C-alpha cells in the first residue's frame, strides 16, 4: 500500500533562488499528475517561477525573499487536496469512462466530505 506523501520541509534547500524540497512517503503512480492538476487550479502567480513536481521532490524556480509563506501555503494546499483524492480514487475498481471535466468536478464535490 502506498504511503501518503508529505512535504519534508526540514530538508528544504534554496540555492540561487531555486527551492528544492523532498517529498516523503510513497505516492502512487498517478499522484504526481493529480498534484499538478490541483496546483494548476490554485496557482495564481506569486513571487516565484515554474514549479516542477516529481515523485521524490518539488522544485520551484525564481523564489523571491518574502514569498516563503505564500509559496508554502500554495504547495501544502495542493498536497492536501491531492492526498484527499486518494481514498476516493483507490476505491474505484471499475474503468472510468467519464470526461476529464466530470472526473474533476466529482473530485471537487468529494473533497467537501473532508470539510
PDB file of N, CA and C in Angstrom:
ATOM      1  N   UNK A   1       0.838  -1.189   0.000  1.00  0.00           N
ATOM      2  CA  UNK A   1       0.000   0.000   0.000  1.00  0.00           C
ATOM      3  C   UNK A   1       0.882   1.253   0.000  1.00  0.00           C
ATOM      4  N   UNK A   2       0.476   2.250  -0.753  1.00  0.00           N
ATOM      5  CA  UNK A   2       1.247   3.488  -0.849  1.00  0.00           C
ATOM      6  C   UNK A   2       1.133   4.282   0.446  1.00  0.00           C
ATOM      7  N   UNK A   3       2.209   4.967   0.819  1.00  0.00           N
ATOM      8  CA  UNK A   3       2.191   5.856   1.970  1.00  0.00           C
ATOM      9  C   UNK A   3       1.827   7.246   1.481  1.00  0.00           C
ATOM     10  N   UNK A   4       0.978   7.929   2.232  1.00  0.00           N
ATOM     11  CA  UNK A   4       0.527   9.260   1.837  1.00  0.00           C
ATOM     12  C   UNK A   4       1.729  10.201   1.805  1.00  0.00           C
ATOM     13  N   UNK A   5       1.956  10.865   0.694  1.00  0.00           N
ATOM     14  CA  UNK A   5       3.098  11.776   0.587  1.00  0.00           C
ATOM     15  C   UNK A   5       2.919  13.044   1.419  1.00  0.00           C
ATOM     16  N   UNK A   6       4.041  13.594   1.844  1.00  0.00           N
ATOM     17  CA  UNK A   6       4.046  14.882   2.514  1.00  0.00           C
ATOM     18  C   UNK A   6       5.343  15.605   2.159  1.00  0.00           C
ATOM     19  N   UNK A   7       5.325  16.916   2.330  1.00  0.00           N
ATOM     20  CA  UNK A   7       6.485  17.744   2.016  1.00  0.00           C
ATOM     21  C   UNK A   7       7.404  17.749   3.225  1.00  0.00           C
ATOM     22  N   UNK A   8       8.645  17.364   3.026  1.00  0.00           N
ATOM     23  CA  UNK A   8       9.627  17.277   4.107  1.00  0.00           C
ATOM     24  C   UNK A   8      10.366  18.608   4.212  1.00  0.00           C
ATOM     25  N   UNK A   9       9.716  19.586   4.847  1.00  0.00           N
ATOM     26  CA  UNK A   9      10.244  20.944   4.908  1.00  0.00           C
ATOM     27  C   UNK A   9      11.593  21.032   5.605  1.00  0.00           C
ATOM     28  N   UNK A  10      11.879  20.133   6.533  1.00  0.00           N
ATOM     29  CA  UNK A  10      13.153  20.217   7.258  1.00  0.00           C
ATOM     30  C   UNK A  10      14.343  19.934   6.339  1.00  0.00           C
ATOM     31  N   UNK A  11      14.102  19.387   5.146  1.00  0.00           N
ATOM     32  CA  UNK A  11      15.163  19.116   4.184  1.00  0.00           C
ATOM     33  C   UNK A  11      15.166  20.115   3.021  1.00  0.00           C
ATOM     34  N   UNK A  12      14.363  21.179   3.119  1.00  0.00           N
ATOM     35  CA  UNK A  12      14.270  22.179   2.048  1.00  0.00           C
ATOM     36  C   UNK A  12      15.593  22.924   1.888  1.00  0.00           C
ATOM     37  N   UNK A  13      15.930  23.234   0.635  1.00  0.00           N
ATOM     38  CA  UNK A  13      17.150  23.979   0.323  1.00  0.00           C
ATOM     39  C   UNK A  13      16.814  24.995  -0.769  1.00  0.00           C
ATOM     40  N   UNK A  14      17.305  26.225  -0.588  1.00  0.00           N
ATOM     41  CA  UNK A  14      17.209  27.229  -1.640  1.00  0.00           C
ATOM     42  C   UNK A  14      18.622  27.535  -2.087  1.00  0.00           C
ATOM     43  N   UNK A  15      18.867  27.416  -3.393  1.00  0.00           N
ATOM     44  CA  UNK A  15      20.174  27.678  -3.972  1.00  0.00           C
ATOM     45  C   UNK A  15      19.964  28.500  -5.234  1.00  0.00           C
ATOM     46  N   UNK A  16      20.518  29.699  -5.270  1.00  0.00           N
ATOM     47  CA  UNK A  16      20.376  30.614  -6.409  1.00  0.00           C
ATOM     48  C   UNK A  16      18.906  30.849  -6.751  1.00  0.00           C
ATOM     49  N   UNK A  17      18.082  30.985  -5.695  1.00  0.00           N
ATOM     50  CA  UNK A  17      16.669  31.269  -5.900  1.00  0.00           C
ATOM     51  C   UNK A  17      15.821  30.075  -6.285  1.00  0.00           C
ATOM     52  N   UNK A  18      16.381  28.870  -6.285  1.00  0.00           N
ATOM     53  CA  UNK A  18      15.619  27.668  -6.620  1.00  0.00           C
ATOM     54  C   UNK A  18      15.395  26.853  -5.348  1.00  0.00           C
ATOM     55  N   UNK A  19      14.124  26.671  -5.007  1.00  0.00           N
ATOM     56  CA  UNK A  19      13.756  25.846  -3.866  1.00  0.00           C
ATOM     57  C   UNK A  19      13.677  24.391  -4.308  1.00  0.00           C
ATOM     58  N   UNK A  20      14.325  23.519  -3.557  1.00  0.00           N
ATOM     59  CA  UNK A  20      14.191  22.081  -3.749  1.00  0.00           C
ATOM     60  C   UNK A  20      13.797  21.504  -2.404  1.00  0.00           C
ATOM     61  N   UNK A  21      12.680  20.781  -2.390  1.00  0.00           N
ATOM     62  CA  UNK A  21      12.192  20.184  -1.148  1.00  0.00           C
ATOM     63  C   UNK A  21      11.720  18.758  -1.457  1.00  0.00           C
ATOM     64  N   UNK A  22      12.190  17.787  -0.653  1.00  0.00           N
ATOM     65  CA  UNK A  22      11.811  16.400  -0.909  1.00  0.00           C
ATOM     66  C   UNK A  22      10.366  16.104  -0.533  1.00  0.00           C
ATOM     67  N   UNK A  23       9.813  15.129  -1.220  1.00  0.00           N
ATOM     68  CA  UNK A  23       8.521  14.568  -0.862  1.00  0.00           C
ATOM     69  C   UNK A  23       8.785  13.259  -0.137  1.00  0.00           C
ATOM     70  N   UNK A  24       8.246  13.111   1.057  1.00  0.00           N
ATOM     71  CA  UNK A  24       8.377  11.871   1.801  1.00  0.00           C
ATOM     72  C   UNK A  24       7.120  11.037   1.566  1.00  0.00           C
ATOM     73  N   UNK A  25       7.176   9.766   1.930  1.00  0.00           N
ATOM     74  CA  UNK A  25       6.075   8.866   1.647  1.00  0.00           C
ATOM     75  C   UNK A  25       6.257   8.267   0.272  1.00  0.00           C
ATOM     76  N   UNK A  26       5.296   7.511  -0.158  1.00  0.00           N
ATOM     77  CA  UNK A  26       5.395   6.856  -1.466  1.00  0.00           C
ATOM     78  C   UNK A  26       4.117   7.090  -2.248  1.00  0.00           C
ATOM     79  N   UNK A  27       4.113   8.120  -3.073  1.00  0.00           N
ATOM     80  CA  UNK A  27       2.906   8.391  -3.852  1.00  0.00           C
ATOM     81  C   UNK A  27       2.665   7.311  -4.897  1.00  0.00           C
ATOM     82  N   UNK A  28       1.395   7.105  -5.223  1.00  0.00           N
ATOM     83  CA  UNK A  28       1.032   6.170  -6.283  1.00  0.00           C
ATOM     84  C   UNK A  28       1.411   6.722  -7.643  1.00  0.00           C
ATOM     85  N   UNK A  29       1.190   5.923  -8.650  1.00  0.00           N
ATOM     86  CA  UNK A  29       1.634   6.282  -9.996  1.00  0.00           C
ATOM     87  C   UNK A  29       0.949   7.524 -10.556  1.00  0.00           C
ATOM     88  N   UNK A  30      -0.278   7.781 -10.158  1.00  0.00           N
ATOM     89  CA  UNK A  30      -0.996   8.935 -10.707  1.00  0.00           C
ATOM     90  C   UNK A  30      -1.030  10.133  -9.764  1.00  0.00           C
ATOM     91  N   UNK A  31      -0.365  10.041  -8.621  1.00  0.00           N
ATOM     92  CA  UNK A  31      -0.396  11.118  -7.640  1.00  0.00           C
ATOM     93  C   UNK A  31       0.219  12.408  -8.195  1.00  0.00           C
ATOM     94  N   UNK A  32       1.355  12.295  -8.879  1.00  0.00           N
ATOM     95  CA  UNK A  32       2.033  13.476  -9.415  1.00  0.00           C
ATOM     96  C   UNK A  32       1.117  14.243 -10.364  1.00  0.00           C
ATOM     97  N   UNK A  33       0.436  13.521 -11.223  1.00  0.00           N
ATOM     98  CA  UNK A  33      -0.482  14.164 -12.168  1.00  0.00           C
ATOM     99  C   UNK A  33      -1.617  14.861 -11.423  1.00  0.00           C
ATOM    100  N   UNK A  34      -2.154  14.212 -10.415  1.00  0.00           N
ATOM    101  CA  UNK A  34      -3.231  14.789  -9.617  1.00  0.00           C
ATOM    102  C   UNK A  34      -2.741  16.058  -8.906  1.00  0.00           C
ATOM    103  N   UNK A  35      -1.534  16.008  -8.324  1.00  0.00           N
ATOM    104  CA  UNK A  35      -0.961  17.163  -7.641  1.00  0.00           C
ATOM    105  C   UNK A  35      -0.797  18.327  -8.626  1.00  0.00           C
ATOM    106  N   UNK A  36      -0.296  18.045  -9.818  1.00  0.00           N
ATOM    107  CA  UNK A  36      -0.108  19.095 -10.819  1.00  0.00           C
ATOM    108  C   UNK A  36      -1.433  19.716 -11.236  1.00  0.00           C
ATOM    109  N   UNK A  37      -2.481  18.908 -11.375  1.00  0.00           N
ATOM    110  CA  UNK A  37      -3.808  19.438 -11.728  1.00  0.00           C
ATOM    111  C   UNK A  37      -4.300  20.396 -10.654  1.00  0.00           C
ATOM    112  N   UNK A  38      -4.203  19.979  -9.400  1.00  0.00           N
ATOM    113  CA  UNK A  38      -4.649  20.823  -8.291  1.00  0.00           C
ATOM    114  C   UNK A  38      -3.808  22.095  -8.238  1.00  0.00           C
ATOM    115  N   UNK A  39      -2.511  21.952  -8.374  1.00  0.00           N
ATOM    116  CA  UNK A  39      -1.606  23.102  -8.349  1.00  0.00           C
ATOM    117  C   UNK A  39      -1.972  24.099  -9.441  1.00  0.00           C
ATOM    118  N   UNK A  40      -2.297  23.602 -10.607  1.00  0.00           N
ATOM    119  CA  UNK A  40      -2.694  24.471 -11.715  1.00  0.00           C
ATOM    120  C   UNK A  40      -3.947  25.280 -11.412  1.00  0.00           C
ATOM    121  N   UNK A  41      -4.858  24.691 -10.646  1.00  0.00           N
ATOM    122  CA  UNK A  41      -6.090  25.407 -10.275  1.00  0.00           C
ATOM    123  C   UNK A  41      -5.834  26.441  -9.182  1.00  0.00           C
ATOM    124  N   UNK A  42      -4.867  26.172  -8.314  1.00  0.00           N
ATOM    125  CA  UNK A  42      -4.616  27.056  -7.170  1.00  0.00           C
ATOM    126  C   UNK A  42      -3.629  28.182  -7.459  1.00  0.00           C
ATOM    127  N   UNK A  43      -2.636  27.922  -8.298  1.00  0.00           N
ATOM    128  CA  UNK A  43      -1.546  28.882  -8.501  1.00  0.00           C
ATOM    129  C   UNK A  43      -1.999  30.051  -9.354  1.00  0.00           C
ATOM    130  N   UNK A  44      -2.052  31.201  -8.729  1.00  0.00           N
ATOM    131  CA  UNK A  44      -2.434  32.431  -9.437  1.00  0.00           C
ATOM    132  C   UNK A  44      -1.230  33.343  -9.622  1.00  0.00           C
ATOM    133  N   UNK A  45      -0.072  32.741  -9.556  1.00  0.00           N
ATOM    134  CA  UNK A  45       1.144  33.528  -9.696  1.00  0.00           C
ATOM    135  C   UNK A  45       1.549  34.117  -8.363  1.00  0.00           C
ATOM    136  N   UNK A  46       2.802  34.227  -8.198  1.00  0.00           N
ATOM    137  CA  UNK A  46       3.337  34.771  -6.964  1.00  0.00           C
ATOM    138  C   UNK A  46       4.744  35.246  -7.243  1.00  0.00           C
ATOM    139  N   UNK A  47       5.526  35.343  -6.205  1.00  0.00           N
ATOM    140  CA  UNK A  47       6.905  35.772  -6.363  1.00  0.00           C
ATOM    141  C   UNK A  47       7.807  34.555  -6.508  1.00  0.00           C
ATOM    142  N   UNK A  48       7.490  33.767  -7.514  1.00  0.00           N
ATOM    143  CA  UNK A  48       8.266  32.582  -7.855  1.00  0.00           C
ATOM    144  C   UNK A  48       7.964  32.228  -9.299  1.00  0.00           C
ATOM    145  N   UNK A  49       8.778  31.348  -9.846  1.00  0.00           N
ATOM    146  CA  UNK A  49       8.632  30.946 -11.235  1.00  0.00           C
ATOM    147  C   UNK A  49       7.986  29.575 -11.358  1.00  0.00           C
ATOM    148  N   UNK A  50       8.489  28.803 -12.301  1.00  0.00           N
ATOM    149  CA  UNK A  50       7.929  27.489 -12.613  1.00  0.00           C
ATOM    150  C   UNK A  50       8.064  26.528 -11.433  1.00  0.00           C
ATOM    151  N   UNK A  51       7.007  25.732 -11.235  1.00  0.00           N
ATOM    152  CA  UNK A  51       7.007  24.702 -10.197  1.00  0.00           C
ATOM    153  C   UNK A  51       7.079  23.351 -10.899  1.00  0.00           C
ATOM    154  N   UNK A  52       8.098  22.586 -10.548  1.00  0.00           N
ATOM    155  CA  UNK A  52       8.295  21.254 -11.135  1.00  0.00           C
ATOM    156  C   UNK A  52       7.980  20.206 -10.076  1.00  0.00           C
ATOM    157  N   UNK A  53       7.101  19.281 -10.421  1.00  0.00           N
ATOM    158  CA  UNK A  53       6.661  18.249  -9.485  1.00  0.00           C
ATOM    159  C   UNK A  53       7.210  16.905  -9.934  1.00  0.00           C
ATOM    160  N   UNK A  54       7.970  16.262  -9.054  1.00  0.00           N
ATOM    161  CA  UNK A  54       8.476  14.927  -9.321  1.00  0.00           C
ATOM    162  C   UNK A  54       7.935  13.962  -8.288  1.00  0.00           C
ATOM    163  N   UNK A  55       8.244  12.701  -8.432  1.00  0.00           N
ATOM    164  CA  UNK A  55       7.780  11.708  -7.462  1.00  0.00           C
ATOM    165  C   UNK A  55       8.520  11.820  -6.137  1.00  0.00           C
ATOM    166  N   UNK A  56       9.733  12.382  -6.162  1.00  0.00           N
ATOM    167  CA  UNK A  56      10.533  12.443  -4.943  1.00  0.00           C
ATOM    168  C   UNK A  56      10.821  13.850  -4.453  1.00  0.00           C
ATOM    169  N   UNK A  57      10.497  14.868  -5.268  1.00  0.00           N
ATOM    170  CA  UNK A  57      10.798  16.233  -4.838  1.00  0.00           C
ATOM    171  C   UNK A  57       9.986  17.256  -5.620  1.00  0.00           C
ATOM    172  N   UNK A  58       9.935  18.450  -5.032  1.00  0.00           N
ATOM    173  CA  UNK A  58       9.356  19.619  -5.680  1.00  0.00           C
ATOM    174  C   UNK A  58      10.480  20.598  -5.920  1.00  0.00           C
ATOM    175  N   UNK A  59      10.446  21.273  -7.072  1.00  0.00           N
ATOM    176  CA  UNK A  59      11.412  22.319  -7.379  1.00  0.00           C
ATOM    177  C   UNK A  59      10.661  23.556  -7.832  1.00  0.00           C
ATOM    178  N   UNK A  60      11.068  24.685  -7.277  1.00  0.00           N
ATOM    179  CA  UNK A  60      10.432  25.948  -7.641  1.00  0.00           C
ATOM    180  C   UNK A  60      11.529  26.933  -8.009  1.00  0.00           C
ATOM    181  N   UNK A  61      11.497  27.435  -9.225  1.00  0.00           N
ATOM    182  CA  UNK A  61      12.483  28.406  -9.699  1.00  0.00           C
ATOM    183  C   UNK A  61      12.053  29.822  -9.323  1.00  0.00           C
ATOM    184  N   UNK A  62      13.023  30.715  -9.255  1.00  0.00           N
ATOM    185  CA  UNK A  62      12.752  32.140  -9.104  1.00  0.00           C
ATOM    186  C   UNK A  62      12.060  32.532  -7.814  1.00  0.00           C
ATOM    187  N   UNK A  63      12.365  31.844  -6.738  1.00  0.00           N
ATOM    188  CA  UNK A  63      11.745  32.180  -5.455  1.00  0.00           C
ATOM    189  C   UNK A  63      12.345  33.481  -4.932  1.00  0.00           C
ATOM    190  N   UNK A  64      11.473  34.418  -4.564  1.00  0.00           N
ATOM    191  CA  UNK A  64      11.921  35.708  -4.053  1.00  0.00           C
ATOM    192  C   UNK A  64      11.742  35.782  -2.541  1.00  0.00           C
ATOM    193  N   UNK A  65      12.644  36.497  -1.905  1.00  0.00           N
ATOM    194  CA  UNK A  65      12.560  36.720  -0.463  1.00  0.00           C
ATOM    195  C   UNK A  65      11.211  37.336  -0.121  1.00  0.00           C
ATOM    196  N   UNK A  66      10.615  36.840   0.947  1.00  0.00           N
ATOM    197  CA  UNK A  66       9.309  37.331   1.376  1.00  0.00           C
ATOM    198  C   UNK A  66       8.146  36.489   0.877  1.00  0.00           C
ATOM    199  N   UNK A  67       8.402  35.594  -0.073  1.00  0.00           N
ATOM    200  CA  UNK A  67       7.325  34.778  -0.629  1.00  0.00           C
ATOM    201  C   UNK A  67       7.230  33.396   0.030  1.00  0.00           C
ATOM    202  N   UNK A  68       8.078  33.150   1.021  1.00  0.00           N
ATOM    203  CA  UNK A  68       8.161  31.817   1.615  1.00  0.00           C
ATOM    204  C   UNK A  68       6.803  31.322   2.128  1.00  0.00           C
ATOM    205  N   UNK A  69       6.122  32.138   2.881  1.00  0.00           N
ATOM    206  CA  UNK A  69       4.858  31.724   3.488  1.00  0.00           C
ATOM    207  C   UNK A  69       3.787  31.456   2.427  1.00  0.00           C
ATOM    208  N   UNK A  70       3.674  32.348   1.448  1.00  0.00           N
ATOM    209  CA  UNK A  70       2.671  32.166   0.392  1.00  0.00           C
ATOM    210  C   UNK A  70       2.953  30.917  -0.434  1.00  0.00           C
ATOM    211  N   UNK A  71       4.213  30.681  -0.751  1.00  0.00           N
ATOM    212  CA  UNK A  71       4.576  29.506  -1.538  1.00  0.00           C
ATOM    213  C   UNK A  71       4.308  28.234  -0.743  1.00  0.00           C
ATOM    214  N   UNK A  72       4.651  28.244   0.536  1.00  0.00           N
ATOM    215  CA  UNK A  72       4.377  27.076   1.382  1.00  0.00           C
ATOM    216  C   UNK A  72       2.877  26.807   1.413  1.00  0.00           C
ATOM    217  N   UNK A  73       2.078  27.842   1.581  1.00  0.00           N
ATOM    218  CA  UNK A  73       0.621  27.699   1.618  1.00  0.00           C
ATOM    219  C   UNK A  73       0.108  27.075   0.316  1.00  0.00           C
ATOM    220  N   UNK A  74       0.597  27.538  -0.806  1.00  0.00           N
ATOM    221  CA  UNK A  74       0.195  27.003  -2.102  1.00  0.00           C
ATOM    222  C   UNK A  74       0.548  25.521  -2.218  1.00  0.00           C
ATOM    223  N   UNK A  75       1.794  25.171  -1.910  1.00  0.00           N
ATOM    224  CA  UNK A  75       2.248  23.782  -2.053  1.00  0.00           C
ATOM    225  C   UNK A  75       1.522  22.858  -1.086  1.00  0.00           C
ATOM    226  N   UNK A  76       1.344  23.293   0.151  1.00  0.00           N
ATOM    227  CA  UNK A  76       0.632  22.467   1.136  1.00  0.00           C
ATOM    228  C   UNK A  76      -0.836  22.298   0.757  1.00  0.00           C
ATOM    229  N   UNK A  77      -1.448  23.350   0.232  1.00  0.00           N
ATOM    230  CA  UNK A  77      -2.843  23.254  -0.198  1.00  0.00           C
ATOM    231  C   UNK A  77      -3.017  22.256  -1.330  1.00  0.00           C
ATOM    232  N   UNK A  78      -2.123  22.308  -2.305  1.00  0.00           N
ATOM    233  CA  UNK A  78      -2.186  21.361  -3.418  1.00  0.00           C
ATOM    234  C   UNK A  78      -1.941  19.939  -2.921  1.00  0.00           C
ATOM    235  N   UNK A  79      -0.993  19.788  -2.017  1.00  0.00           N
ATOM    236  CA  UNK A  79      -0.692  18.468  -1.465  1.00  0.00           C
ATOM    237  C   UNK A  79      -1.891  17.903  -0.708  1.00  0.00           C
ATOM    238  N   UNK A  80      -2.502  18.715   0.138  1.00  0.00           N
ATOM    239  CA  UNK A  80      -3.654  18.245   0.906  1.00  0.00           C
ATOM    240  C   UNK A  80      -4.796  17.816  -0.001  1.00  0.00           C
ATOM    241  N   UNK A  81      -5.052  18.590  -1.041  1.00  0.00           N
ATOM    242  CA  UNK A  81      -6.139  18.231  -1.952  1.00  0.00           C
ATOM    243  C   UNK A  81      -5.806  16.970  -2.741  1.00  0.00           C
ATOM    244  N   UNK A  82      -4.584  16.863  -3.221  1.00  0.00           N
ATOM    245  CA  UNK A  82      -4.188  15.662  -3.967  1.00  0.00           C
ATOM    246  C   UNK A  82      -4.287  14.431  -3.070  1.00  0.00           C
ATOM    247  N   UNK A  83      -3.875  14.559  -1.825  1.00  0.00           N
ATOM    248  CA  UNK A  83      -3.958  13.437  -0.893  1.00  0.00           C
ATOM    249  C   UNK A  83      -5.404  13.122  -0.522  1.00  0.00           C
ATOM    250  N   UNK A  84      -6.260  14.143  -0.436  1.00  0.00           N
ATOM    251  CA  UNK A  84      -7.667  13.922  -0.107  1.00  0.00           C
ATOM    252  C   UNK A  84      -8.357  13.102  -1.185  1.00  0.00           C
ATOM    253  N   UNK A  85      -7.878  13.189  -2.406  1.00  0.00           N
ATOM    254  CA  UNK A  85      -8.471  12.439  -3.503  1.00  0.00           C
ATOM    255  C   UNK A  85      -8.080  10.965  -3.474  1.00  0.00           C
ATOM    256  N   UNK A  86      -7.040  10.607  -2.746  1.00  0.00           N
ATOM    257  CA  UNK A  86      -6.539   9.234  -2.745  1.00  0.00           C
ATOM    258  C   UNK A  86      -7.582   8.190  -2.361  1.00  0.00           C
ATOM    259  N   UNK A  87      -8.277   8.298  -1.224  1.00  0.00           N
ATOM    260  CA  UNK A  87      -9.215   7.245  -0.856  1.00  0.00           C
ATOM    261  C   UNK A  87     -10.334   7.060  -1.874  1.00  0.00           C
ATOM    262  N   UNK A  88     -10.881   8.155  -2.382  1.00  0.00           N
ATOM    263  CA  UNK A  88     -11.973   8.048  -3.342  1.00  0.00           C
ATOM    264  C   UNK A  88     -11.511   7.340  -4.606  1.00  0.00           C
ATOM    265  N   UNK A  89     -10.330   7.659  -5.092  1.00  0.00           N
ATOM    266  CA  UNK A  89      -9.841   7.035  -6.313  1.00  0.00           C
ATOM    267  C   UNK A  89      -9.412   5.599  -6.072  1.00  0.00           C
ATOM    268  N   UNK A  90      -8.864   5.295  -4.899  1.00  0.00           N
ATOM    269  CA  UNK A  90      -8.442   3.935  -4.605  1.00  0.00           C
ATOM    270  C   UNK A  90      -9.638   3.003  -4.528  1.00  0.00           C
ATOM    271  N   UNK A  91     -10.804   3.528  -4.156  1.00  0.00           N
ATOM    272  CA  UNK A  91     -12.000   2.703  -4.033  1.00  0.00           C
ATOM    273  C   UNK A  91     -12.615   2.380  -5.386  1.00  0.00           C
ATOM    274  N   UNK A  92     -12.269   3.092  -6.411  1.00  0.00           N
ATOM    275  CA  UNK A  92     -12.837   2.870  -7.737  1.00  0.00           C
ATOM    276  C   UNK A  92     -12.089   1.758  -8.456  1.00  0.00           C
ATOM    277  N   UNK A  93     -12.722   0.601  -8.558  1.00  0.00           N
ATOM    278  CA  UNK A  93     -12.085  -0.527  -9.249  1.00  0.00           C
ATOM    279  C   UNK A  93     -12.528  -0.634 -10.700  1.00  0.00           C
ATOM    280  N   UNK A  94     -13.587   0.066 -11.067  1.00  0.00           N
ATOM    281  CA  UNK A  94     -14.108  -0.019 -12.416  1.00  0.00           C
ATOM    282  C   UNK A  94     -13.469   1.051 -13.296  1.00  0.00           C
ATOM    283  N   UNK A  95     -13.351   0.777 -14.601  1.00  0.00           N
ATOM    284  CA  UNK A  95     -12.823   1.803 -15.509  1.00  0.00           C
ATOM    285  C   UNK A  95     -13.721   3.040 -15.475  1.00  0.00           C
ATOM    286  N   UNK A  96     -13.116   4.183 -15.636  1.00  0.00           N
ATOM    287  CA  UNK A  96     -13.844   5.435 -15.573  1.00  0.00           C
ATOM    288  C   UNK A  96     -13.914   6.036 -16.967  1.00  0.00           C
ATOM    289  N   UNK A  97     -15.123   5.983 -17.551  1.00  0.00           N
ATOM    290  CA  UNK A  97     -15.317   6.472 -18.919  1.00  0.00           C
ATOM    291  C   UNK A  97     -15.857   7.900 -18.945  1.00  0.00           C
ATOM    292  N   UNK A  98     -15.893   8.554 -17.782  1.00  0.00           N
ATOM    293  CA  UNK A  98     -16.404   9.915 -17.733  1.00  0.00           C
ATOM    294  C   UNK A  98     -15.386  10.887 -18.326  1.00  0.00           C
ATOM    295  N   UNK A  99     -15.863  12.052 -18.682  1.00  0.00           N
ATOM    296  CA  UNK A  99     -14.979  13.073 -19.238  1.00  0.00           C
ATOM    297  C   UNK A  99     -14.043  13.583 -18.145  1.00  0.00           C
ATOM    298  N   UNK A 100     -12.888  14.146 -18.541  1.00  0.00           N
ATOM    299  CA  UNK A 100     -11.993  14.732 -17.532  1.00  0.00           C
ATOM    300  C   UNK A 100     -12.677  15.805 -16.688  1.00  0.00           C
ATOM    301  N   UNK A 101     -13.554  16.589 -17.312  1.00  0.00           N
ATOM    302  CA  UNK A 101     -14.263  17.635 -16.576  1.00  0.00           C
ATOM    303  C   UNK A 101     -15.170  17.028 -15.516  1.00  0.00           C
ATOM    304  N   UNK A 102     -15.886  15.940 -15.873  1.00  0.00           N
ATOM    305  CA  UNK A 102     -16.766  15.287 -14.909  1.00  0.00           C
ATOM    306  C   UNK A 102     -15.975  14.671 -13.766  1.00  0.00           C
ATOM    307  N   UNK A 103     -14.837  14.056 -14.072  1.00  0.00           N
ATOM    308  CA  UNK A 103     -13.998  13.472 -13.023  1.00  0.00           C
ATOM    309  C   UNK A 103     -13.473  14.566 -12.084  1.00  0.00           C
ATOM    310  N   UNK A 104     -13.062  15.690 -12.656  1.00  0.00           N
ATOM    311  CA  UNK A 104     -12.538  16.794 -11.848  1.00  0.00           C
ATOM    312  C   UNK A 104     -13.623  17.358 -10.931  1.00  0.00           C
ATOM    313  N   UNK A 105     -14.841  17.533 -11.468  1.00  0.00           N
ATOM    314  CA  UNK A 105     -15.917  18.050 -10.630  1.00  0.00           C
ATOM    315  C   UNK A 105     -16.299  17.037  -9.552  1.00  0.00           C
ATOM    316  N   UNK A 106     -16.270  15.744  -9.886  1.00  0.00           N
ATOM    317  CA  UNK A 106     -16.545  14.705  -8.888  1.00  0.00           C
ATOM    318  C   UNK A 106     -15.553  14.798  -7.752  1.00  0.00           C
ATOM    319  N   UNK A 107     -14.276  14.952  -8.081  1.00  0.00           N
ATOM    320  CA  UNK A 107     -13.240  15.080  -7.060  1.00  0.00           C
ATOM    321  C   UNK A 107     -13.486  16.299  -6.187  1.00  0.00           C
ATOM    322  N   UNK A 108     -13.877  17.407  -6.805  1.00  0.00           N
ATOM    323  CA  UNK A 108     -14.127  18.629  -6.041  1.00  0.00           C
ATOM    324  C   UNK A 108     -15.287  18.430  -5.057  1.00  0.00           C
ATOM    325  N   UNK A 109     -16.367  17.782  -5.516  1.00  0.00           N
ATOM    326  CA  UNK A 109     -17.503  17.553  -4.618  1.00  0.00           C
ATOM    327  C   UNK A 109     -17.156  16.551  -3.520  1.00  0.00           C
ATOM    328  N   UNK A 110     -16.399  15.517  -3.848  1.00  0.00           N
ATOM    329  CA  UNK A 110     -15.987  14.536  -2.831  1.00  0.00           C
ATOM    330  C   UNK A 110     -15.096  15.165  -1.771  1.00  0.00           C
ATOM    331  N   UNK A 111     -14.341  16.181  -2.156  1.00  0.00           N
ATOM    332  CA  UNK A 111     -13.466  16.847  -1.199  1.00  0.00           C
ATOM    333  C   UNK A 111     -14.251  17.571  -0.115  1.00  0.00           C
ATOM    334  N   UNK A 112     -15.520  17.924  -0.400  1.00  0.00           N
ATOM    335  CA  UNK A 112     -16.341  18.587   0.612  1.00  0.00           C
ATOM    336  C   UNK A 112     -16.575  17.673   1.811  1.00  0.00           C
ATOM    337  N   UNK A 113     -16.468  16.369   1.621  1.00  0.00           N
ATOM    338  CA  UNK A 113     -16.671  15.425   2.723  1.00  0.00           C
ATOM    339  C   UNK A 113     -15.616  15.596   3.801  1.00  0.00           C
ATOM    340  N   UNK A 114     -14.464  16.149   3.452  1.00  0.00           N
ATOM    341  CA  UNK A 114     -13.382  16.335   4.412  1.00  0.00           C
ATOM    342  C   UNK A 114     -13.521  17.623   5.210  1.00  0.00           C
ATOM    343  N   UNK A 115     -14.447  18.494   4.804  1.00  0.00           N
ATOM    344  CA  UNK A 115     -14.614  19.787   5.499  1.00  0.00           C
ATOM    345  C   UNK A 115     -15.355  19.625   6.801  1.00  0.00           C
TER     346      UNK A 115
END
